[in-house]
Amino acid sequence: MLQTILIDKEISINDKECFDKYFETSHVLASEMNFTNFFMWKDHYKIRFGIIYEFLCIMSVRDESKPFCFFPVGDYKKGEDLKKTIYAIKDYFDQEGWNLIFSRVTKQQKEILDEIGIAYNAIEDRDNADYVYTVKSLSTLAGKKLDGKRNHINKFKKLYSYEYEEITPANIQDCKNIVEKWYQLREQSGDESLSNERIANNKLLDNYEILGLKGGLIRVNGKTEAFTVGEQLNKNTAVIHVEKANAEIHGIYTVINQQFINNEWLHLEYVNREQDMGIAGLRKAKLSYNPDHLIEKYTIEVC
């Protein structure tokens, strides 16, 4: 039954190979569409998945919100199979009395719906648009628009002695310590999303090797003060999953950002630094790095 296919299969670390196969086939653009993202957030979003007509179908069934799906992942040249997949999901949603909602749908995926003749209503989801930068821009910080970033780095280098290290099993605990300190400083805010993010970050670090991730950390005067983790999203783009640092150290976020690019991603063309989630300060920070483009996303309701 479709219900069994979609809802009863929870993600485990053993599903990475399956997910990777489908993501590679579809050349994903959105930062969400990778196994690491779904695995680290699986408890918060109550992610379920299944394969329908050779498309990977991923669904969120959180108790406090209506279920929704991510756009099916597979070979989009097989338009008829994709169409059958979407109608199969819709039949199930109809039986449950739910509207079929696809969340975080890219412009390119929306155009596929037009090509295969699926009727829908779309609302742009600006808060979840991904910020994409060129590797060259982030590695050099060249140009007048990034003068401020270069100044941050120059001031940091004058004030501190620092070292960059690749993340390995030997220093994973240092990264976990940063996570704990970062959230302890903010836990009094009562923001439940911080607790969920803390769990997701630790799940990522606990499974760092098997997830095939790359990461780097910064030691300032011998003490670990920043770390970041990412992976290759598609053939020419890296995605950054986590970036945490001691904000009291001037310029450290700029330094870890640039150092990670220069040590790990110079062979690629772009870096996807995910969305701003509608947070004003985060939007300002991401725009300040002068993105090359945004990955537009939409919330789609299938008619």
Protein backbone atom coordinates (compact mmCIF):
# COMPACT_ATOMS: atom_id res chain seq x y z
CA MET A 1 0.00 0.00 0.00
CA LEU A 2 1.10 3.59 -0.64
CA GLN A 3 0.77 4.41 3.03
CA THR A 4 3.36 1.77 3.86
CA ILE A 5 5.68 3.00 1.11
CA LEU A 6 5.54 6.64 2.16
CA ILE A 7 5.05 6.75 5.90
CA ASP A 8 6.33 3.56 7.49
CA LYS A 9 9.92 3.68 6.26
CA GLU A 10 12.08 5.83 8.49
CA ILE A 11 15.55 6.96 7.46
CA SER A 12 18.56 5.15 8.88
CA ILE A 13 22.23 5.71 8.18
CA ASN A 14 22.10 2.57 6.01
CA ASP A 15 19.90 4.39 3.47
CA LYS A 16 22.66 6.76 2.36
CA GLU A 17 23.61 4.75 -0.74
CA CYS A 18 19.98 4.63 -1.90
CA PHE A 19 19.45 8.37 -1.45
CA ASP A 20 22.76 9.26 -3.09
CA LYS A 21 21.86 7.25 -6.18
CA TYR A 22 18.65 9.20 -6.75
CA PHE A 23 20.15 12.60 -5.96
CA GLU A 24 22.98 12.01 -8.44
CA THR A 25 20.45 11.07 -11.13
CA SER A 26 18.46 14.27 -10.76
CA HIS A 27 21.36 16.79 -10.38
CA VAL A 28 19.75 18.56 -7.42
CA LEU A 29 20.11 22.30 -6.85
CA ALA A 30 18.32 22.90 -3.53
CA SER A 31 20.41 22.69 -0.36
CA GLU A 32 17.88 20.37 1.30
CA MET A 33 18.16 17.65 -1.31
CA ASN A 34 20.91 15.44 0.05
CA PHE A 35 21.01 12.51 2.44
CA THR A 36 22.90 14.39 5.16
CA ASN A 37 20.21 17.05 5.44
CA PHE A 38 17.35 14.56 5.72
CA PHE A 39 19.28 12.35 8.13
CA MET A 40 20.29 15.12 10.54
CA TRP A 41 16.77 16.59 10.60
CA LYS A 42 14.85 13.31 10.41
CA ASP A 43 13.58 13.41 14.00
CA HIS A 44 12.44 17.03 13.89
CA TYR A 45 10.60 16.72 10.57
CA LYS A 46 9.60 13.07 11.13
CA ILE A 47 10.87 12.16 7.70
CA ARG A 48 9.50 9.09 5.93
CA PHE A 49 10.38 7.88 2.46
CA GLY A 50 9.72 5.29 -0.22
CA ILE A 51 10.36 4.50 -3.88
CA ILE A 52 7.39 4.91 -6.26
CA TYR A 53 7.83 4.26 -10.00
CA GLU A 54 11.59 4.62 -9.48
CA PHE A 55 11.31 8.04 -7.86
CA LEU A 56 12.51 8.72 -4.33
CA CYS A 57 9.57 10.23 -2.44
CA ILE A 58 10.27 12.00 0.85
CA MET A 59 7.55 13.13 3.24
CA SER A 60 7.34 15.06 6.51
CA VAL A 61 4.67 13.91 8.98
CA ARG A 62 5.18 16.20 11.98
CA ASP A 63 2.30 16.08 14.46
CA GLU A 64 1.97 19.86 14.79
CA SER A 65 1.71 20.61 11.08
CA LYS A 66 0.07 19.16 8.01
CA PRO A 67 2.08 16.51 6.13
CA PHE A 68 3.94 17.65 3.04
CA CYS A 69 6.29 16.14 0.48
CA PHE A 70 9.50 17.20 -1.14
CA PHE A 71 9.59 17.05 -4.92
CA PRO A 72 10.13 13.42 -6.08
CA VAL A 73 13.76 12.69 -6.91
CA GLY A 74 14.81 10.69 -9.95
CA ASP A 75 15.32 10.77 -13.69
CA TYR A 76 13.20 13.72 -14.83
CA LYS A 77 13.46 12.57 -18.43
CA LYS A 78 10.92 9.92 -17.43
CA GLY A 79 8.05 12.39 -17.38
CA GLU A 80 5.22 9.85 -17.51
CA ASP A 81 6.63 7.92 -14.55
CA LEU A 82 6.99 11.16 -12.59
CA LYS A 83 3.39 12.04 -13.43
CA LYS A 84 2.19 8.63 -12.21
CA THR A 85 4.25 9.08 -9.05
CA ILE A 86 2.68 12.45 -8.26
CA TYR A 87 -0.84 11.15 -8.89
CA ALA A 88 -0.14 8.14 -6.66
CA ILE A 89 0.93 10.45 -3.83
CA LYS A 90 -2.11 12.66 -4.44
CA ASP A 91 -4.46 9.68 -4.25
CA TYR A 92 -3.04 8.84 -0.85
CA PHE A 93 -3.29 12.44 0.38
CA ASP A 94 -6.87 12.64 -0.87
CA GLN A 95 -7.76 9.48 1.04
CA GLU A 96 -6.37 11.05 4.22
CA GLY A 97 -8.22 14.31 3.62
CA TRP A 98 -5.02 16.30 3.06
CA ASN A 99 -4.06 18.72 0.32
CA LEU A 100 -0.96 17.57 -1.53
CA ILE A 101 1.74 20.11 -0.78
CA PHE A 102 5.27 19.99 -2.19
CA SER A 103 7.67 22.16 -0.19
CA ARG A 104 11.05 23.70 -1.19
CA VAL A 105 10.34 23.21 -4.90
CA THR A 106 12.90 24.87 -7.19
CA LYS A 107 12.01 26.92 -10.25
CA GLN A 108 13.40 24.13 -12.42
CA GLN A 109 11.21 21.53 -10.73
CA LYS A 110 8.17 23.78 -11.06
CA GLU A 111 8.83 23.96 -14.80
CA ILE A 112 8.87 20.15 -14.93
CA LEU A 113 5.31 20.16 -13.56
CA ASP A 114 4.31 22.39 -16.48
CA GLU A 115 5.99 20.04 -18.95
CA ILE A 116 4.15 16.95 -17.71
CA GLY A 117 0.80 18.71 -17.38
CA ILE A 118 0.28 18.78 -13.60
CA ALA A 119 -2.13 21.49 -12.44
CA TYR A 120 -0.97 23.37 -9.36
CA ASN A 121 -0.96 26.60 -7.40
CA ALA A 122 2.42 28.06 -6.42
CA ILE A 123 3.56 30.54 -3.77
CA GLU A 124 7.14 31.78 -3.76
CA ASP A 125 9.03 30.81 -0.59
CA ARG A 126 11.62 33.58 -0.32
CA ASP A 127 12.62 32.64 3.23
CA ASN A 128 13.94 29.29 1.97
CA ALA A 129 15.70 30.53 -1.17
CA ASP A 130 19.31 29.34 -1.22
CA TYR A 131 22.22 31.77 -1.45
CA VAL A 132 24.78 30.61 -4.02
CA TYR A 133 28.23 32.18 -4.31
CA THR A 134 31.12 31.58 -6.67
CA VAL A 135 34.07 29.74 -5.17
CA LYS A 136 36.34 32.43 -6.60
CA SER A 137 34.46 35.19 -4.82
CA LEU A 138 34.50 33.48 -1.42
CA SER A 139 38.11 32.35 -1.73
CA THR A 140 39.55 35.75 -2.70
CA LEU A 141 36.96 38.20 -1.31
CA ALA A 142 38.08 40.47 -4.14
CA GLY A 143 36.28 43.64 -5.17
CA LYS A 144 34.91 46.74 -3.52
CA LYS A 145 31.68 45.06 -2.34
CA LEU A 146 33.74 42.70 -0.16
CA ASP A 147 36.15 45.29 1.25
CA GLY A 148 34.55 44.87 4.68
CA LYS A 149 35.13 41.11 4.68
CA ARG A 150 38.82 41.54 3.87
CA ASN A 151 39.08 44.12 6.64
CA HIS A 152 37.56 41.64 9.12
CA ILE A 153 40.16 39.04 8.17
CA ASN A 154 43.06 41.51 8.36
CA LYS A 155 41.98 42.65 11.82
CA PHE A 156 41.60 39.03 12.97
CA LYS A 157 45.12 38.18 11.80
CA LYS A 158 46.56 41.17 13.65
CA LEU A 159 44.80 40.27 16.88
CA TYR A 160 45.14 36.49 16.99
CA SER A 161 47.43 33.58 16.30
CA TYR A 162 45.40 30.88 14.57
CA GLU A 163 45.58 27.51 12.82
CA TYR A 164 43.23 25.77 10.37
CA GLU A 165 42.72 22.01 10.70
CA GLU A 166 40.78 19.48 8.69
CA ILE A 167 38.09 17.80 10.80
CA THR A 168 38.99 14.18 11.62
CA PRO A 169 37.83 11.65 14.24
CA ALA A 170 40.63 13.00 16.46
CA ASN A 171 39.10 16.50 16.73
CA ILE A 172 35.36 15.82 16.33
CA GLN A 173 34.90 16.29 20.08
CA ASP A 174 36.31 19.81 19.77
CA CYS A 175 33.51 20.59 17.32
CA LYS A 176 30.90 19.09 19.66
CA ASN A 177 32.21 21.33 22.43
CA ILE A 178 31.64 24.39 20.24
CA VAL A 179 28.09 23.22 19.52
CA GLU A 180 27.34 22.86 23.23
CA LYS A 181 28.82 26.23 24.15
CA TRP A 182 27.04 27.97 21.25
CA TYR A 183 23.63 26.66 22.34
CA GLN A 184 24.20 27.14 26.06
CA LEU A 185 24.73 30.84 25.42
CA ARG A 186 21.36 31.00 23.67
CA GLU A 187 19.17 28.46 25.47
CA GLN A 188 17.61 31.10 27.73
CA SER A 189 15.87 32.57 24.68
CA GLY A 190 13.24 29.81 24.84
CA ASP A 191 13.49 29.29 21.08
CA GLU A 192 12.57 25.62 20.54
CA SER A 193 14.18 25.64 17.10
CA LEU A 194 17.59 26.00 18.78
CA SER A 195 17.11 22.69 20.58
CA ASN A 196 16.16 20.99 17.32
CA GLU A 197 19.21 22.47 15.59
CA ARG A 198 21.46 21.31 18.42
CA ILE A 199 20.22 17.73 18.00
CA ALA A 200 20.68 17.92 14.23
CA ASN A 201 24.23 19.27 14.53
CA ASN A 202 25.23 16.53 16.95
CA LYS A 203 23.68 13.86 14.73
CA LEU A 204 25.81 15.16 11.86
CA LEU A 205 28.99 15.12 13.95
CA ASP A 206 28.27 11.68 15.41
CA ASN A 207 28.04 10.27 11.88
CA TYR A 208 30.65 12.50 10.25
CA GLU A 209 32.75 9.77 8.64
CA ILE A 210 30.00 7.55 7.31
CA LEU A 211 28.21 10.59 5.85
CA GLY A 212 31.34 11.33 3.82
CA LEU A 213 31.54 14.95 4.91
CA LYS A 214 34.33 17.51 4.75
CA GLY A 215 35.00 20.00 7.48
CA GLY A 216 37.49 22.39 8.96
CA LEU A 217 38.10 24.08 12.30
CA ILE A 218 40.00 27.11 13.53
CA ARG A 219 42.14 27.12 16.65
CA VAL A 220 42.82 30.55 18.14
CA ASN A 221 45.80 30.63 20.49
CA GLY A 222 45.55 26.84 20.59
CA LYS A 223 41.84 26.68 21.48
CA THR A 224 39.14 25.52 19.04
CA GLU A 225 36.85 28.49 18.37
CA ALA A 226 35.11 27.73 15.04
CA PHE A 227 34.19 24.86 12.78
CA THR A 228 32.26 24.25 9.58
CA VAL A 229 31.03 21.18 7.69
CA GLY A 230 29.84 20.66 4.12
CA GLU A 231 29.84 18.29 1.17
CA GLN A 232 29.53 18.25 -2.60
CA LEU A 233 25.89 18.85 -3.56
CA ASN A 234 26.15 18.29 -7.30
CA LYS A 235 28.83 18.21 -9.99
CA ASN A 236 29.87 21.87 -9.58
CA THR A 237 28.52 22.97 -6.19
CA ALA A 238 29.35 22.43 -2.51
CA VAL A 239 26.75 22.93 0.23
CA ILE A 240 27.57 24.16 3.73
CA HIS A 241 25.59 22.31 6.42
CA VAL A 242 26.96 23.81 9.63
CA GLU A 243 29.06 26.81 10.61
CA LYS A 244 29.51 27.65 14.28
CA ALA A 245 32.01 29.95 15.99
CA ASN A 246 32.70 32.08 19.04
CA ALA A 247 31.08 35.34 17.95
CA GLU A 248 33.10 37.29 20.52
CA ILE A 249 36.19 36.81 18.34
CA HIS A 250 36.11 39.53 15.69
CA GLY A 251 36.20 38.21 12.13
CA ILE A 252 36.26 34.53 12.96
CA TYR A 253 33.19 33.67 10.88
CA THR A 254 34.74 35.35 7.86
CA VAL A 255 38.00 33.48 8.44
CA ILE A 256 36.47 29.99 8.79
CA ASN A 257 34.33 30.63 5.72
CA GLN A 258 37.29 31.61 3.54
CA GLN A 259 39.67 29.00 4.94
CA PHE A 260 37.21 26.17 4.32
CA ILE A 261 36.74 27.24 0.70
CA ASN A 262 40.48 27.55 0.08
CA ASN A 263 41.30 24.19 1.67
CA GLU A 264 38.46 22.05 0.31
CA TRP A 265 36.43 23.52 -2.55
CA LEU A 266 38.70 25.26 -5.06
CA HIS A 267 37.99 22.51 -7.61
CA LEU A 268 34.29 23.47 -7.74
CA GLU A 269 32.51 26.52 -9.17
CA TYR A 270 29.84 27.36 -6.60
CA VAL A 271 29.05 27.19 -2.90
CA ASN A 272 25.45 26.94 -1.66
CA ARG A 273 25.21 28.47 1.81
CA GLU A 274 21.57 27.56 2.34
CA GLN A 275 18.68 29.87 3.24
CA ASP A 276 18.09 32.72 5.69
CA MET A 277 14.75 31.34 7.01
CA GLY A 278 13.34 34.86 7.05
CA ILE A 279 15.66 35.94 9.89
CA ALA A 280 16.55 39.58 9.22
CA GLY A 281 20.09 39.43 10.61
CA LEU A 282 20.88 36.23 8.74
CA ARG A 283 19.53 37.68 5.50
CA LYS A 284 21.69 40.76 5.91
CA ALA A 285 24.76 38.60 6.57
CA LYS A 286 24.19 36.37 3.55
CA LEU A 287 23.55 39.31 1.25
CA SER A 288 26.71 40.99 2.52
CA TYR A 289 28.78 38.29 0.79
CA ASN A 290 27.34 39.37 -2.56
CA PRO A 291 25.72 36.12 -3.79
CA ASP A 292 26.06 35.17 -7.44
CA HIS A 293 22.41 34.07 -7.51
CA LEU A 294 19.58 32.66 -5.42
CA ILE A 295 17.94 29.28 -5.87
CA GLU A 296 14.27 30.28 -5.96
CA LYS A 297 11.87 27.97 -4.16
CA TYR A 298 8.12 27.56 -4.07
CA THR A 299 5.40 25.89 -2.08
CA ILE A 300 3.26 23.94 -4.53
CA GLU A 301 -0.30 22.73 -3.97
CA VAL A 302 -1.31 20.11 -6.53
CA CYS A 303 -4.86 20.63 -7.80
